[in-house]
Amino acid sequence: MRTSFPLLFITICLATACSSTKQPVVEQPPNPSKPVAESVPVKMPIVATPKLPEVEEAVKRVFKDAAVVHPDYKSKVLAGDFNGDLSEDLAVVLKPVPGKLAELNEEFPRWLLRDPSATRNPAAPLKVEKDEALLAVIHGYGANDWRDPEATQTFLLKNAVGADMRVQNGKEFVKNNSGRKLPRPQGDLIGENLKGTEGYIYYSAATYSWYDPKSFNGETETSGVFHGRKPARRTN
C-alpha cells in the first residue's frame, strides 16, 4: 500500500492536469453580411405645380429683361425631366420684349437657340423674330432643380409652340408606340398639336428635336452633350 499510494497520487495529478489544459479555440467564420444594395438613380416626382411668380423669376434669371412669359400661354407651363438627368426641368412659352430683340440675338447668348424641326446649319444662324412665340426649356440644377438660382442652362426653341401641350413620360411613350420607328428620347417628351400635326418635342443627342410619327426616318447622330447627369438622389 505504501508503494502504490504515490503512484496513484501521481496518476490522479496527471489526469487533473491534462483535463485542465486549455483546448485550442476554433475561430468561427464570420456571419455573411447582407449584400449592400447598389445606388440606383431614382427619378423624383414633380415637386409641385409651377406657380407663375416662380416661373417668371426663372425666366428673368436666364433672359433678364429680354423676354417674358407669353400672355397668351400663361397656362402652358410644363415641368418634367426632359433631358433625362434626374432633375426637374421647366418648359414655358415666352415672348420677346419690345425693343429687346438685339439682346435675344446677341452673338454669345446664355442659351442655345434651336429649331427642333430643322437641321442645324452653323452657316445660317437662327434669329428670334419680333413677337415670335418661343418655347424655353430651363434645365434643372442643384437641390432645387429649375427653381435653383444657378439653374441657367437653357434651350430656346423656335417653331415649337403648339396646341394641347402636355408632358409625356418617356418610358410610357416607347411602350405605347411599340412596333413603330421611334426616336431615342433621354427623358420626358412634350406632346402637342403643331400646325395641325400631332407629335412630340424630345431631347436626344444634345439637342431638342421634333418627332412626327408620320414622317420620322431616324435620328442623326450628334456628338457632345449639353451637360452631364446628376448624381443619384437620396431617398428617405
Protein backbone atom coordinates (compact mmCIF):
# COMPACT_ATOMS: atom_id res chain seq x y z
CA MET A 1 0.00 0.00 0.00
CA ARG A 2 2.84 2.41 0.82
CA THR A 3 4.39 1.73 -2.60
CA SER A 4 1.18 2.05 -4.66
CA PHE A 5 -0.15 5.26 -2.99
CA PRO A 6 2.46 7.62 -4.53
CA LEU A 7 1.85 6.12 -7.93
CA LEU A 8 -1.88 6.56 -7.53
CA PHE A 9 -1.38 10.18 -6.41
CA ILE A 10 0.84 10.93 -9.40
CA THR A 11 -1.66 9.34 -11.77
CA ILE A 12 -4.52 11.45 -10.35
CA CYS A 13 -2.44 14.64 -10.63
CA LEU A 14 -1.51 13.94 -14.25
CA ALA A 15 -5.15 13.27 -15.13
CA THR A 16 -6.23 16.50 -13.45
CA ALA A 17 -3.51 18.50 -15.21
CA CYS A 18 -4.48 17.11 -18.61
CA SER A 19 -8.16 17.90 -18.11
CA SER A 20 -7.35 21.47 -17.01
CA THR A 21 -5.27 22.18 -20.09
CA LYS A 22 -6.98 24.78 -22.26
CA GLN A 23 -8.31 23.42 -25.51
CA PRO A 24 -7.47 25.37 -28.66
CA VAL A 25 -10.23 27.80 -29.65
CA VAL A 26 -11.54 27.29 -33.15
CA GLU A 27 -12.40 30.65 -34.71
CA GLN A 28 -15.89 30.70 -36.09
CA PRO A 29 -16.32 32.02 -39.61
CA PRO A 30 -17.95 35.45 -39.66
CA ASN A 31 -21.63 35.61 -40.46
CA PRO A 32 -22.11 36.60 -44.08
CA SER A 33 -23.24 40.20 -44.17
CA LYS A 34 -26.26 41.22 -46.18
CA PRO A 35 -25.36 42.44 -49.65
CA VAL A 36 -25.30 46.20 -49.91
CA ALA A 37 -27.75 47.40 -52.49
CA GLU A 38 -26.18 49.42 -55.27
CA SER A 39 -27.16 53.05 -55.57
CA VAL A 40 -29.83 53.24 -58.22
CA PRO A 41 -30.80 56.61 -59.67
CA VAL A 42 -34.35 57.35 -58.63
CA LYS A 43 -36.35 59.86 -60.57
CA MET A 44 -38.05 62.24 -58.21
CA PRO A 45 -41.70 63.08 -58.69
CA ILE A 46 -42.73 66.57 -59.68
CA VAL A 47 -42.32 68.65 -56.52
CA ALA A 48 -45.28 70.96 -57.14
CA THR A 49 -47.18 72.55 -59.98
CA PRO A 50 -45.13 75.54 -61.14
CA LYS A 51 -46.56 78.84 -59.95
CA LEU A 52 -46.46 81.90 -62.16
CA PRO A 53 -44.30 84.09 -59.83
CA GLU A 54 -41.56 81.43 -59.58
CA VAL A 55 -41.77 80.77 -63.32
CA GLU A 56 -41.33 84.48 -64.01
CA GLU A 57 -38.38 84.52 -61.61
CA ALA A 58 -36.71 81.66 -63.51
CA VAL A 59 -37.30 83.40 -66.85
CA LYS A 60 -35.80 86.64 -65.54
CA ARG A 61 -32.79 84.73 -64.17
CA VAL A 62 -31.94 83.47 -67.66
CA PHE A 63 -33.23 86.15 -70.04
CA LYS A 64 -33.02 89.23 -67.80
CA ASP A 65 -35.46 91.73 -69.36
CA ALA A 66 -35.26 90.44 -72.95
CA ALA A 67 -38.22 88.01 -72.75
CA VAL A 68 -41.30 87.44 -70.62
CA VAL A 69 -43.87 84.72 -70.14
CA HIS A 70 -46.18 84.94 -73.15
CA PRO A 71 -49.50 86.46 -72.01
CA ASP A 72 -51.47 84.14 -74.31
CA TYR A 73 -49.79 81.00 -72.93
CA LYS A 74 -49.60 81.56 -69.18
CA SER A 75 -51.26 78.20 -68.60
CA LYS A 76 -48.77 76.46 -70.91
CA VAL A 77 -46.16 75.84 -68.23
CA LEU A 78 -44.81 72.28 -68.05
CA ALA A 79 -42.49 70.55 -65.60
CA GLY A 80 -40.72 67.27 -66.32
CA ASP A 81 -37.33 65.62 -66.69
CA PHE A 82 -36.94 66.45 -70.38
CA ASN A 83 -33.20 65.77 -70.73
CA GLY A 84 -33.15 62.67 -68.55
CA ASP A 85 -30.69 63.82 -65.88
CA LEU A 86 -32.99 63.04 -62.92
CA SER A 87 -33.69 66.72 -62.36
CA GLU A 88 -36.97 68.56 -62.88
CA ASP A 89 -36.92 70.98 -65.84
CA LEU A 90 -39.26 73.81 -66.82
CA ALA A 91 -40.81 74.42 -70.24
CA VAL A 92 -42.53 77.78 -70.72
CA VAL A 93 -43.73 79.84 -73.69
CA LEU A 94 -42.01 83.23 -73.98
CA LYS A 95 -42.46 86.41 -75.93
CA PRO A 96 -39.66 88.86 -76.84
CA VAL A 97 -39.88 92.18 -75.03
CA PRO A 98 -40.37 95.09 -77.47
CA GLY A 99 -37.06 96.84 -78.06
CA LYS A 100 -35.04 93.90 -76.66
CA LEU A 101 -34.70 91.81 -79.82
CA ALA A 102 -30.98 92.59 -80.07
CA GLU A 103 -30.37 91.01 -76.66
CA LEU A 104 -32.08 87.79 -77.77
CA ASN A 105 -29.97 87.72 -80.93
CA GLU A 106 -26.60 88.55 -79.38
CA GLU A 107 -23.60 86.61 -80.64
CA PHE A 108 -22.93 84.68 -77.45
CA PRO A 109 -26.24 84.29 -75.56
CA ARG A 110 -26.69 82.40 -72.30
CA TRP A 111 -28.96 79.89 -74.02
CA LEU A 112 -28.98 77.70 -77.14
CA LEU A 113 -31.36 78.83 -79.89
CA ARG A 114 -32.65 75.84 -81.87
CA ASP A 115 -35.41 74.85 -84.28
CA PRO A 116 -36.50 71.26 -83.44
CA SER A 117 -37.96 70.78 -86.93
CA ALA A 118 -34.91 71.89 -88.89
CA THR A 119 -31.37 70.62 -89.34
CA ARG A 120 -28.89 72.95 -87.73
CA ASN A 121 -26.79 74.97 -90.18
CA PRO A 122 -23.95 76.93 -88.50
CA ALA A 123 -23.53 78.95 -91.70
CA ALA A 124 -27.06 80.28 -91.33
CA PRO A 125 -27.60 81.02 -87.62
CA LEU A 126 -31.13 81.28 -86.31
CA LYS A 127 -32.66 84.58 -85.29
CA VAL A 128 -35.51 85.44 -82.97
CA GLU A 129 -38.24 87.39 -84.72
CA LYS A 130 -40.41 90.18 -83.33
CA ASP A 131 -43.50 88.94 -81.44
CA GLU A 132 -42.45 85.31 -82.02
CA ALA A 133 -43.75 82.68 -79.59
CA LEU A 134 -40.75 80.72 -78.27
CA LEU A 135 -40.52 77.66 -76.07
CA ALA A 136 -37.85 77.94 -73.39
CA VAL A 137 -36.68 74.77 -71.62
CA ILE A 138 -34.73 75.59 -68.47
CA HIS A 139 -32.84 72.55 -67.23
CA GLY A 140 -32.86 71.81 -63.54
CA TYR A 141 -29.69 72.07 -61.48
CA GLY A 142 -28.72 71.58 -57.86
CA ALA A 143 -31.03 70.78 -54.98
CA ASN A 144 -33.95 72.87 -56.24
CA ASP A 145 -33.95 71.80 -59.90
CA TRP A 146 -35.23 74.57 -62.23
CA ARG A 147 -36.03 76.74 -59.21
CA ASP A 148 -32.35 76.77 -58.18
CA PRO A 149 -30.62 80.19 -58.52
CA GLU A 150 -27.86 78.50 -60.55
CA ALA A 151 -30.24 76.80 -62.98
CA THR A 152 -29.45 78.72 -66.17
CA GLN A 153 -28.75 76.03 -68.78
CA THR A 154 -31.49 76.69 -71.31
CA PHE A 155 -32.68 75.84 -74.80
CA LEU A 156 -34.77 78.44 -76.62
CA LEU A 157 -36.85 76.71 -79.30
CA LYS A 158 -38.34 78.27 -82.45
CA ASN A 159 -41.38 76.82 -84.24
CA ALA A 160 -42.13 74.68 -81.21
CA VAL A 161 -45.27 76.21 -79.67
CA GLY A 162 -48.48 74.35 -80.49
CA ALA A 163 -51.85 73.47 -79.03
CA ASP A 164 -52.68 70.94 -76.30
CA MET A 165 -49.14 70.96 -74.90
CA ARG A 166 -48.55 68.24 -72.32
CA VAL A 167 -45.82 66.14 -70.68
CA GLN A 168 -45.42 62.56 -71.91
CA ASN A 169 -43.37 60.13 -69.83
CA GLY A 170 -40.51 58.72 -71.92
CA LYS A 171 -40.96 55.07 -70.94
CA GLU A 172 -44.70 55.22 -71.50
CA PHE A 173 -44.11 56.83 -74.89
CA VAL A 174 -41.92 53.94 -76.01
CA LYS A 175 -44.33 51.35 -74.57
CA ASN A 176 -47.41 52.92 -76.16
CA ASN A 177 -45.75 53.13 -79.57
CA SER A 178 -44.29 49.63 -79.69
CA GLY A 179 -43.71 48.44 -83.24
CA ARG A 180 -43.20 51.92 -84.69
CA LYS A 181 -39.96 53.53 -85.73
CA LEU A 182 -39.15 55.75 -82.78
CA PRO A 183 -36.52 58.25 -81.66
CA ARG A 184 -34.48 57.65 -78.50
CA PRO A 185 -35.71 60.25 -76.02
CA GLN A 186 -33.48 60.67 -72.97
CA GLY A 187 -36.30 61.85 -70.75
CA ASP A 188 -39.88 63.05 -70.84
CA LEU A 189 -41.37 64.43 -74.05
CA ILE A 190 -43.64 67.38 -74.80
CA GLY A 191 -46.66 66.25 -76.77
CA GLU A 192 -48.63 68.81 -78.78
CA ASN A 193 -50.51 69.60 -81.95
CA LEU A 194 -48.10 71.68 -84.02
CA LYS A 195 -49.54 73.23 -87.17
CA GLY A 196 -52.15 70.50 -87.44
CA THR A 197 -49.76 67.61 -86.77
CA GLU A 198 -49.73 65.54 -83.60
CA GLY A 199 -46.17 64.93 -82.46
CA TYR A 200 -43.57 65.34 -79.74
CA ILE A 201 -40.60 67.50 -78.83
CA TYR A 202 -37.89 65.37 -77.26
CA TYR A 203 -34.28 65.65 -76.10
CA SER A 204 -31.63 63.37 -77.63
CA ALA A 205 -28.07 63.72 -78.93
CA ALA A 206 -27.54 67.02 -77.09
CA THR A 207 -30.46 68.92 -78.63
CA TYR A 208 -34.24 69.07 -78.91
CA SER A 209 -35.94 67.60 -81.95
CA TRP A 210 -39.46 67.18 -83.34
CA TYR A 211 -40.98 63.74 -83.75
CA ASP A 212 -43.70 63.39 -86.38
CA PRO A 213 -44.88 59.75 -86.35
CA LYS A 214 -45.93 60.01 -90.00
CA SER A 215 -42.60 61.23 -91.38
CA PHE A 216 -39.92 60.12 -88.91
CA ASN A 217 -36.97 58.42 -90.64
CA GLY A 218 -34.49 58.11 -87.81
CA GLU A 219 -32.12 60.34 -85.89
CA THR A 220 -28.91 61.99 -86.99
CA GLU A 221 -26.06 61.20 -84.61
CA THR A 222 -24.69 64.29 -82.89
CA SER A 223 -21.58 64.31 -80.73
CA GLY A 224 -21.30 66.15 -77.46
CA VAL A 225 -23.68 66.80 -74.60
CA PHE A 226 -25.08 69.96 -73.08
CA HIS A 227 -24.43 68.82 -69.56
CA GLY A 228 -24.00 65.58 -67.67
CA ARG A 229 -26.19 63.59 -65.37
CA LYS A 230 -26.72 64.48 -61.78
CA PRO A 231 -25.67 62.07 -59.04
CA ALA A 232 -28.35 59.70 -57.81
CA ARG A 233 -30.69 61.33 -55.35
CA ARG A 234 -31.07 60.04 -51.84
CA THR A 235 -34.43 58.74 -50.77
CA ASN A 236 -35.80 58.95 -47.26
